[in-house]
């Protein structure tokens, strides 16, 4: 069972909550919509396949090997997904990040701050690993603005590392921005 502090993470404008099999239709629709998933690994199969994947994932969640969050606005409308996986003793991988048209104005920053907080503070890990497709200029720029360090690249991906110390130093500034954008 996941510690209750990790099941629901609340920010000024959005909430992260752990995914449930009932989210399968939403996940499948989002992951198969080219407008949102062009820089992610391809999804094959049906919404029912997605449901089975989520059911299998729940065992990994229970062992804290993986945490998959649905991003919601404060009014409960789903607006994205983010996942922490390959959780080890020294690091985690952050990804599967998608925001849809229902997102809040600063949802990118807020969902990143909240989810990295899970890895760095909730799981007490010192490093986040992130990979991004070479052609995804928007995400690359965002990761560099957060202070991530490019570790290596290949023909398909750029690999970044994000240090907990950097995150903790910068988070108060990010939270001030998000508090200023609070959507009542």
Protein backbone atom coordinates (compact mmCIF):
# COMPACT_ATOMS: atom_id res chain seq x y z
CA UNK A 1 0.00 0.00 0.00
CA UNK A 2 1.24 3.47 -0.87
CA UNK A 3 1.77 5.89 2.00
CA UNK A 4 -1.29 8.15 2.21
CA UNK A 5 0.86 11.26 1.74
CA UNK A 6 1.61 10.07 -1.81
CA UNK A 7 -1.93 9.19 -2.90
CA UNK A 8 -3.11 12.78 -3.38
CA UNK A 9 -0.82 15.78 -3.86
CA UNK A 10 -2.49 19.18 -3.79
CA UNK A 11 -1.17 22.38 -5.28
CA UNK A 12 -2.67 25.85 -5.61
CA UNK A 13 -4.49 25.05 -8.87
CA UNK A 14 -4.21 21.33 -9.55
CA UNK A 15 -4.20 18.00 -7.77
CA UNK A 16 -2.25 14.83 -8.52
CA UNK A 17 -4.05 11.63 -7.57
CA UNK A 18 -2.97 8.07 -8.14
CA UNK A 19 -4.47 6.47 -11.22
CA UNK A 20 -7.27 3.88 -11.04
CA UNK A 21 -8.52 1.32 -13.57
CA UNK A 22 -11.57 3.56 -14.06
CA UNK A 23 -9.21 6.11 -15.68
CA UNK A 24 -8.37 3.70 -18.53
CA UNK A 25 -10.64 5.31 -21.14
CA UNK A 26 -9.19 8.75 -20.40
CA UNK A 27 -5.60 7.48 -20.49
CA UNK A 28 -6.13 5.56 -23.70
CA UNK A 29 -7.82 8.51 -25.42
CA UNK A 30 -5.05 10.88 -24.34
CA UNK A 31 -2.19 8.53 -25.21
CA UNK A 32 -3.61 7.79 -28.67
CA UNK A 33 -4.41 11.41 -29.55
CA UNK A 34 -1.57 12.63 -31.80
CA UNK A 35 -2.08 16.19 -30.59
CA UNK A 36 -0.84 15.14 -27.15
CA UNK A 37 1.22 11.99 -27.59
CA UNK A 38 3.47 12.63 -30.58
CA UNK A 39 6.61 12.66 -28.39
CA UNK A 40 5.71 9.59 -26.29
CA UNK A 41 6.16 5.89 -26.95
CA UNK A 42 3.43 4.47 -29.15
CA UNK A 43 0.40 2.91 -27.49
CA UNK A 44 -1.14 -0.18 -29.03
CA UNK A 45 -4.30 -1.89 -27.98
CA UNK A 46 -7.65 -0.85 -26.60
CA UNK A 47 -8.95 0.98 -23.57
CA UNK A 48 -9.58 -2.45 -22.03
CA UNK A 49 -5.88 -3.29 -22.55
CA UNK A 50 -5.08 -0.01 -20.81
CA UNK A 51 -7.34 -1.00 -17.91
CA UNK A 52 -5.49 -4.32 -17.53
CA UNK A 53 -2.15 -2.47 -17.66
CA UNK A 54 -3.32 -0.16 -14.85
CA UNK A 55 -4.50 -3.15 -12.79
CA UNK A 56 -1.05 -4.74 -13.19
CA UNK A 57 0.61 -1.40 -12.42
CA UNK A 58 -1.18 -1.23 -9.03
CA UNK A 59 1.15 -4.01 -7.74
CA UNK A 60 4.20 -1.92 -8.73
CA UNK A 61 2.58 1.07 -7.03
CA UNK A 62 2.09 -0.94 -3.85
CA UNK A 63 5.80 -1.79 -3.83
CA UNK A 64 6.71 1.87 -4.55
CA UNK A 65 8.38 0.85 -7.80
CA UNK A 66 6.16 3.17 -9.83
CA UNK A 67 3.66 5.97 -9.20
CA UNK A 68 1.26 7.04 -11.95
CA UNK A 69 -0.75 10.18 -11.36
CA UNK A 70 -3.79 11.71 -13.00
CA UNK A 71 -3.53 15.50 -13.02
CA UNK A 72 -6.81 17.24 -12.19
CA UNK A 73 -7.93 20.81 -11.90
CA UNK A 74 -9.31 21.81 -8.51
CA UNK A 75 -12.84 21.28 -9.86
CA UNK A 76 -12.06 17.60 -10.55
CA UNK A 77 -11.68 17.85 -14.33
CA UNK A 78 -8.83 15.63 -15.53
CA UNK A 79 -6.20 17.49 -17.50
CA UNK A 80 -3.19 15.21 -17.76
CA UNK A 81 -0.92 12.42 -16.59
CA UNK A 82 2.55 12.09 -15.09
CA UNK A 83 4.49 9.05 -13.93
CA UNK A 84 7.45 8.25 -11.68
CA UNK A 85 8.97 4.88 -12.56
CA UNK A 86 12.22 2.91 -12.36
CA UNK A 87 12.16 3.96 -8.71
CA UNK A 88 15.38 2.77 -7.10
CA UNK A 89 17.41 3.57 -4.01
CA UNK A 90 19.17 6.57 -5.57
CA UNK A 91 16.91 7.85 -8.34
CA UNK A 92 13.62 7.74 -10.18
CA UNK A 93 12.62 8.35 -13.78
CA UNK A 94 10.04 11.04 -14.43
CA UNK A 95 7.91 10.95 -17.57
CA UNK A 96 4.76 9.91 -19.43
CA UNK A 97 3.85 13.57 -18.93
CA UNK A 98 0.86 14.81 -20.92
CA UNK A 99 -1.34 17.84 -20.41
CA UNK A 100 -4.56 18.24 -22.38
CA UNK A 101 -6.69 21.20 -23.43
CA UNK A 102 -8.39 21.31 -19.99
CA UNK A 103 -5.16 22.25 -18.22
CA UNK A 104 -4.78 25.34 -16.07
CA UNK A 105 -2.60 28.23 -17.21
CA UNK A 106 0.50 27.10 -15.29
CA UNK A 107 -0.27 23.36 -15.24
CA UNK A 108 3.10 22.45 -16.74
CA UNK A 109 5.06 24.13 -13.97
CA UNK A 110 2.68 23.05 -11.22
CA UNK A 111 2.44 19.39 -12.25
CA UNK A 112 6.23 19.24 -12.54
CA UNK A 113 6.80 20.86 -9.14
CA UNK A 114 4.26 18.61 -7.42
CA UNK A 115 5.44 15.37 -9.03
CA UNK A 116 9.16 16.06 -8.60
CA UNK A 117 8.32 16.84 -4.97
CA UNK A 118 6.95 13.30 -4.65
CA UNK A 119 10.24 11.82 -5.83
CA UNK A 120 12.58 14.15 -3.99
CA UNK A 121 10.71 14.50 -0.70
CA UNK A 122 8.04 11.80 -0.56
CA UNK A 123 10.47 9.09 -1.66
CA UNK A 124 13.60 10.91 -0.41
CA UNK A 125 15.56 10.31 -3.61
CA UNK A 126 18.44 12.58 -4.69
CA UNK A 127 18.12 12.40 -8.49
CA UNK A 128 15.43 12.39 -11.14
CA UNK A 129 16.16 11.06 -14.61
CA UNK A 130 14.24 12.45 -17.57
CA UNK A 131 14.46 11.58 -21.25
CA UNK A 132 12.93 13.64 -24.00
CA UNK A 133 12.67 13.12 -27.73
CA UNK A 134 15.26 15.13 -29.67
CA UNK A 135 12.55 16.86 -31.70
CA UNK A 136 10.57 17.96 -28.61
CA UNK A 137 12.06 21.45 -28.39
CA UNK A 138 9.35 22.75 -26.06
CA UNK A 139 9.97 20.10 -23.38
CA UNK A 140 13.75 20.42 -23.72
CA UNK A 141 13.56 24.16 -23.10
CA UNK A 142 11.29 23.62 -20.09
CA UNK A 143 13.68 21.07 -18.54
CA UNK A 144 16.66 23.35 -19.06
CA UNK A 145 14.78 26.25 -17.42
CA UNK A 146 14.17 24.02 -14.41
CA UNK A 147 17.93 23.53 -14.17
CA UNK A 148 18.24 19.96 -15.41
CA UNK A 149 21.63 18.85 -16.67
CA UNK A 150 21.96 17.12 -20.03
CA UNK A 151 23.79 13.84 -19.41
CA UNK A 152 23.87 12.36 -22.91
CA UNK A 153 21.94 12.03 -26.13
CA UNK A 154 21.41 9.55 -28.88
CA UNK A 155 19.63 9.72 -32.22
CA UNK A 156 16.19 9.60 -30.57
CA UNK A 157 16.45 11.04 -27.04
CA UNK A 158 18.20 13.54 -24.79
CA UNK A 159 18.79 12.34 -21.24
CA UNK A 160 18.67 14.78 -18.33
CA UNK A 161 19.36 14.54 -14.61
CA UNK A 162 17.66 16.78 -12.07
CA UNK A 163 19.21 17.14 -8.64
CA UNK A 164 17.09 17.33 -5.50
CA UNK A 165 19.20 20.21 -4.15
CA UNK A 166 18.50 22.28 -7.25
CA UNK A 167 14.78 21.53 -7.02
CA UNK A 168 14.59 22.41 -3.32
CA UNK A 169 16.46 25.68 -3.90
CA UNK A 170 14.17 26.75 -6.75
CA UNK A 171 10.82 25.43 -5.49
CA UNK A 172 9.92 28.46 -3.31
CA UNK A 173 10.21 30.69 -6.39
CA UNK A 174 8.03 28.33 -8.43
CA UNK A 175 5.43 28.13 -5.67
CA UNK A 176 5.29 31.93 -5.46
CA UNK A 177 4.53 32.03 -9.19
CA UNK A 178 1.83 29.38 -8.79
CA UNK A 179 0.25 31.02 -5.75
CA UNK A 180 0.05 34.24 -7.78
CA UNK A 181 -1.82 32.34 -10.49
CA UNK A 182 -4.31 30.73 -8.09
CA UNK A 183 -7.54 30.01 -9.94
CA UNK A 184 -10.48 30.27 -7.55
